[in-house]
Amino acid sequence: MLRNKFSIEERSKPKVYLRFTINIIYIFLLSGLEFFIEIGTVSYPPSQNG
């Protein structure tokens, strides 16, 4: 009984870690995109560029 319960918990744990890492990567990507967009708009203003 204990072994089965432990194996079920171990099986569901990677999904939690995967979701956690995907959330972190998603947040990093969004913040990175905003950062690059800010740099791009500061160094290349669309009014002067176009």
PDB file of N, CA and C in Angstrom:
ATOM      1  N   MET A   1       0.844  -1.209   0.000  1.00  0.00           N
ATOM      2  CA  MET A   1       0.000   0.000   0.000  1.00  0.00           C
ATOM      3  C   MET A   1       0.881   1.261   0.000  1.00  0.00           C
ATOM      4  N   LEU A   2       1.874   1.273   0.891  1.00  0.00           N
ATOM      5  CA  LEU A   2       2.738   2.450   0.963  1.00  0.00           C
ATOM      6  C   LEU A   2       3.521   2.629  -0.329  1.00  0.00           C
ATOM      7  N   ARG A   3       3.986   1.518  -0.885  1.00  0.00           N
ATOM      8  CA  ARG A   3       4.797   1.603  -2.100  1.00  0.00           C
ATOM      9  C   ARG A   3       3.962   2.155  -3.262  1.00  0.00           C
ATOM     10  N   ASN A   4       2.704   1.682  -3.382  1.00  0.00           N
ATOM     11  CA  ASN A   4       1.849   2.179  -4.462  1.00  0.00           C
ATOM     12  C   ASN A   4       1.574   3.669  -4.296  1.00  0.00           C
ATOM     13  N   LYS A   5       1.290   4.078  -3.065  1.00  0.00           N
ATOM     14  CA  LYS A   5       1.014   5.492  -2.818  1.00  0.00           C
ATOM     15  C   LYS A   5       2.242   6.338  -3.159  1.00  0.00           C
ATOM     16  N   PHE A   6       3.402   5.857  -2.792  1.00  0.00           N
ATOM     17  CA  PHE A   6       4.639   6.596  -3.053  1.00  0.00           C
ATOM     18  C   PHE A   6       4.884   6.712  -4.555  1.00  0.00           C
ATOM     19  N   SER A   7       4.650   5.629  -5.283  1.00  0.00           N
ATOM     20  CA  SER A   7       4.897   5.653  -6.726  1.00  0.00           C
ATOM     21  C   SER A   7       3.924   6.617  -7.419  1.00  0.00           C
ATOM     22  N   ILE A   8       2.692   6.685  -6.931  1.00  0.00           N
ATOM     23  CA  ILE A   8       1.717   7.608  -7.530  1.00  0.00           C
ATOM     24  C   ILE A   8       2.156   9.049  -7.272  1.00  0.00           C
ATOM     25  N   GLU A   9       2.638   9.329  -6.061  1.00  0.00           N
ATOM     26  CA  GLU A   9       3.097  10.682  -5.751  1.00  0.00           C
ATOM     27  C   GLU A   9       4.310  11.037  -6.602  1.00  0.00           C
ATOM     28  N   GLU A  10       5.232  10.094  -6.755  1.00  0.00           N
ATOM     29  CA  GLU A  10       6.422  10.349  -7.569  1.00  0.00           C
ATOM     30  C   GLU A  10       6.048  10.552  -9.034  1.00  0.00           C
ATOM     31  N   ARG A  11       4.991   9.885  -9.471  1.00  0.00           N
ATOM     32  CA  ARG A  11       4.578  10.016 -10.864  1.00  0.00           C
ATOM     33  C   ARG A  11       3.957  11.398 -11.116  1.00  0.00           C
ATOM     34  N   SER A  12       3.240  11.931 -10.121  1.00  0.00           N
ATOM     35  CA  SER A  12       2.568  13.215 -10.310  1.00  0.00           C
ATOM     36  C   SER A  12       3.507  14.378 -10.038  1.00  0.00           C
ATOM     37  N   LYS A  13       4.634  14.122  -9.387  1.00  0.00           N
ATOM     38  CA  LYS A  13       5.558  15.210  -9.040  1.00  0.00           C
ATOM     39  C   LYS A  13       6.197  15.853 -10.278  1.00  0.00           C
ATOM     40  N   PRO A  14       6.702  15.085 -11.254  1.00  0.00           N
ATOM     41  CA  PRO A  14       7.315  15.711 -12.434  1.00  0.00           C
ATOM     42  C   PRO A  14       6.376  16.666 -13.164  1.00  0.00           C
ATOM     43  N   LYS A  15       5.073  16.382 -13.174  1.00  0.00           N
ATOM     44  CA  LYS A  15       4.135  17.283 -13.843  1.00  0.00           C
ATOM     45  C   LYS A  15       4.123  18.638 -13.148  1.00  0.00           C
ATOM     46  N   VAL A  16       4.182  18.611 -11.811  1.00  0.00           N
ATOM     47  CA  VAL A  16       4.190  19.870 -11.062  1.00  0.00           C
ATOM     48  C   VAL A  16       5.468  20.638 -11.364  1.00  0.00           C
ATOM     49  N   TYR A  17       6.601  19.942 -11.361  1.00  0.00           N
ATOM     50  CA  TYR A  17       7.870  20.609 -11.669  1.00  0.00           C
ATOM     51  C   TYR A  17       7.866  21.146 -13.098  1.00  0.00           C
ATOM     52  N   LEU A  18       7.329  20.367 -14.031  1.00  0.00           N
ATOM     53  CA  LEU A  18       7.292  20.790 -15.426  1.00  0.00           C
ATOM     54  C   LEU A  18       6.466  22.061 -15.571  1.00  0.00           C
ATOM     55  N   ARG A  19       5.301  22.076 -14.928  1.00  0.00           N
ATOM     56  CA  ARG A  19       4.445  23.260 -14.995  1.00  0.00           C
ATOM     57  C   ARG A  19       5.150  24.458 -14.362  1.00  0.00           C
ATOM     58  N   PHE A  20       5.847  24.214 -13.255  1.00  0.00           N
ATOM     59  CA  PHE A  20       6.559  25.287 -12.560  1.00  0.00           C
ATOM     60  C   PHE A  20       7.658  25.874 -13.441  1.00  0.00           C
ATOM     61  N   THR A  21       8.444  24.994 -14.075  1.00  0.00           N
ATOM     62  CA  THR A  21       9.534  25.475 -14.934  1.00  0.00           C
ATOM     63  C   THR A  21       8.979  26.182 -16.162  1.00  0.00           C
ATOM     64  N   ILE A  22       7.869  25.688 -16.715  1.00  0.00           N
ATOM     65  CA  ILE A  22       7.268  26.341 -17.884  1.00  0.00           C
ATOM     66  C   ILE A  22       6.784  27.740 -17.505  1.00  0.00           C
ATOM     67  N   ASN A  23       6.208  27.871 -16.299  1.00  0.00           N
ATOM     68  CA  ASN A  23       5.771  29.195 -15.851  1.00  0.00           C
ATOM     69  C   ASN A  23       6.956  30.134 -15.714  1.00  0.00           C
ATOM     70  N   ILE A  24       8.058  29.647 -15.151  1.00  0.00           N
ATOM     71  CA  ILE A  24       9.254  30.490 -14.978  1.00  0.00           C
ATOM     72  C   ILE A  24       9.800  30.911 -16.338  1.00  0.00           C
ATOM     73  N   ILE A  25       9.899  29.946 -17.267  1.00  0.00           N
ATOM     74  CA  ILE A  25      10.418  30.255 -18.607  1.00  0.00           C
ATOM     75  C   ILE A  25       9.497  31.272 -19.296  1.00  0.00           C
ATOM     76  N   TYR A  26       8.187  31.094 -19.140  1.00  0.00           N
ATOM     77  CA  TYR A  26       7.219  31.999 -19.760  1.00  0.00           C
ATOM     78  C   TYR A  26       7.386  33.411 -19.208  1.00  0.00           C
ATOM     79  N   ILE A  27       7.559  33.519 -17.874  1.00  0.00           N
ATOM     80  CA  ILE A  27       7.740  34.836 -17.245  1.00  0.00           C
ATOM     81  C   ILE A  27       9.036  35.465 -17.733  1.00  0.00           C
ATOM     82  N   PHE A  28      10.110  34.663 -17.817  1.00  0.00           N
ATOM     83  CA  PHE A  28      11.388  35.197 -18.287  1.00  0.00           C
ATOM     84  C   PHE A  28      11.272  35.676 -19.731  1.00  0.00           C
ATOM     85  N   LEU A  29      10.577  34.901 -20.565  1.00  0.00           N
ATOM     86  CA  LEU A  29      10.415  35.292 -21.966  1.00  0.00           C
ATOM     87  C   LEU A  29       9.623  36.588 -22.081  1.00  0.00           C
ATOM     88  N   LEU A  30       8.535  36.702 -21.308  1.00  0.00           N
ATOM     89  CA  LEU A  30       7.717  37.915 -21.371  1.00  0.00           C
ATOM     90  C   LEU A  30       8.510  39.121 -20.897  1.00  0.00           C
ATOM     91  N   SER A  31       9.219  38.987 -19.776  1.00  0.00           N
ATOM     92  CA  SER A  31      10.003  40.116 -19.267  1.00  0.00           C
ATOM     93  C   SER A  31      11.127  40.451 -20.244  1.00  0.00           C
ATOM     94  N   GLY A  32      11.745  39.433 -20.849  1.00  0.00           N
ATOM     95  CA  GLY A  32      12.803  39.667 -21.823  1.00  0.00           C
ATOM     96  C   GLY A  32      12.271  40.382 -23.057  1.00  0.00           C
ATOM     97  N   LEU A  33      11.087  39.978 -23.517  1.00  0.00           N
ATOM     98  CA  LEU A  33      10.491  40.633 -24.678  1.00  0.00           C
ATOM     99  C   LEU A  33      10.198  42.090 -24.370  1.00  0.00           C
ATOM    100  N   GLU A  34       9.617  42.366 -23.198  1.00  0.00           N
ATOM    101  CA  GLU A  34       9.327  43.741 -22.823  1.00  0.00           C
ATOM    102  C   GLU A  34      10.615  44.543 -22.731  1.00  0.00           C
ATOM    103  N   PHE A  35      11.665  43.935 -22.189  1.00  0.00           N
ATOM    104  CA  PHE A  35      12.956  44.607 -22.049  1.00  0.00           C
ATOM    105  C   PHE A  35      13.531  44.952 -23.419  1.00  0.00           C
ATOM    106  N   PHE A  36      13.487  43.974 -24.343  1.00  0.00           N
ATOM    107  CA  PHE A  36      14.021  44.226 -25.688  1.00  0.00           C
ATOM    108  C   PHE A  36      13.167  45.249 -26.439  1.00  0.00           C
ATOM    109  N   ILE A  37      11.863  45.213 -26.229  1.00  0.00           N
ATOM    110  CA  ILE A  37      10.987  46.188 -26.891  1.00  0.00           C
ATOM    111  C   ILE A  37      11.295  47.591 -26.367  1.00  0.00           C
ATOM    112  N   GLU A  38      11.543  47.703 -25.053  1.00  0.00           N
ATOM    113  CA  GLU A  38      11.893  49.010 -24.491  1.00  0.00           C
ATOM    114  C   GLU A  38      13.211  49.501 -25.076  1.00  0.00           C
ATOM    115  N   ILE A  39      14.201  48.627 -25.154  1.00  0.00           N
ATOM    116  CA  ILE A  39      15.499  48.998 -25.736  1.00  0.00           C
ATOM    117  C   ILE A  39      15.303  49.421 -27.202  1.00  0.00           C
ATOM    118  N   GLY A  40      14.511  48.646 -27.942  1.00  0.00           N
ATOM    119  CA  GLY A  40      14.289  48.946 -29.353  1.00  0.00           C
ATOM    120  C   GLY A  40      13.580  50.279 -29.538  1.00  0.00           C
ATOM    121  N   THR A  41      12.589  50.570 -28.699  1.00  0.00           N
ATOM    122  CA  THR A  41      11.861  51.824 -28.853  1.00  0.00           C
ATOM    123  C   THR A  41      12.724  52.996 -28.413  1.00  0.00           C
ATOM    124  N   VAL A  42      13.624  52.769 -27.448  1.00  0.00           N
ATOM    125  CA  VAL A  42      14.487  53.860 -26.991  1.00  0.00           C
ATOM    126  C   VAL A  42      15.563  54.153 -28.033  1.00  0.00           C
ATOM    127  N   SER A  43      16.188  53.107 -28.564  1.00  0.00           N
ATOM    128  CA  SER A  43      17.302  53.329 -29.491  1.00  0.00           C
ATOM    129  C   SER A  43      16.798  53.603 -30.919  1.00  0.00           C
ATOM    130  N   TYR A  44      15.657  53.035 -31.279  1.00  0.00           N
ATOM    131  CA  TYR A  44      15.102  53.261 -32.618  1.00  0.00           C
ATOM    132  C   TYR A  44      13.654  53.738 -32.483  1.00  0.00           C
ATOM    133  N   PRO A  45      13.432  55.014 -32.271  1.00  0.00           N
ATOM    134  CA  PRO A  45      12.046  55.506 -32.179  1.00  0.00           C
ATOM    135  C   PRO A  45      11.329  55.353 -33.520  1.00  0.00           C
ATOM    136  N   PRO A  46      10.098  54.867 -33.530  1.00  0.00           N
ATOM    137  CA  PRO A  46       9.384  54.655 -34.787  1.00  0.00           C
ATOM    138  C   PRO A  46       9.146  55.958 -35.538  1.00  0.00           C
ATOM    139  N   SER A  47       9.072  57.090 -34.839  1.00  0.00           N
ATOM    140  CA  SER A  47       8.813  58.354 -35.520  1.00  0.00           C
ATOM    141  C   SER A  47      10.006  58.754 -36.395  1.00  0.00           C
ATOM    142  N   GLN A  48      11.240  58.525 -35.900  1.00  0.00           N
ATOM    143  CA  GLN A  48      12.421  58.862 -36.694  1.00  0.00           C
ATOM    144  C   GLN A  48      12.725  57.772 -37.730  1.00  0.00           C
ATOM    145  N   ASN A  49      12.384  56.530 -37.388  1.00  0.00           N
ATOM    146  CA  ASN A  49      12.764  55.408 -38.241  1.00  0.00           C
ATOM    147  C   ASN A  49      11.893  55.356 -39.493  1.00  0.00           C
ATOM    148  N   GLY A  50      10.577  55.638 -39.337  1.00  0.00           N
ATOM    149  CA  GLY A  50       9.679  55.462 -40.447  1.00  0.00           C
ATOM    150  C   GLY A  50       9.526  56.709 -41.269  1.00  0.00           C
TER     151      GLY A  50
END
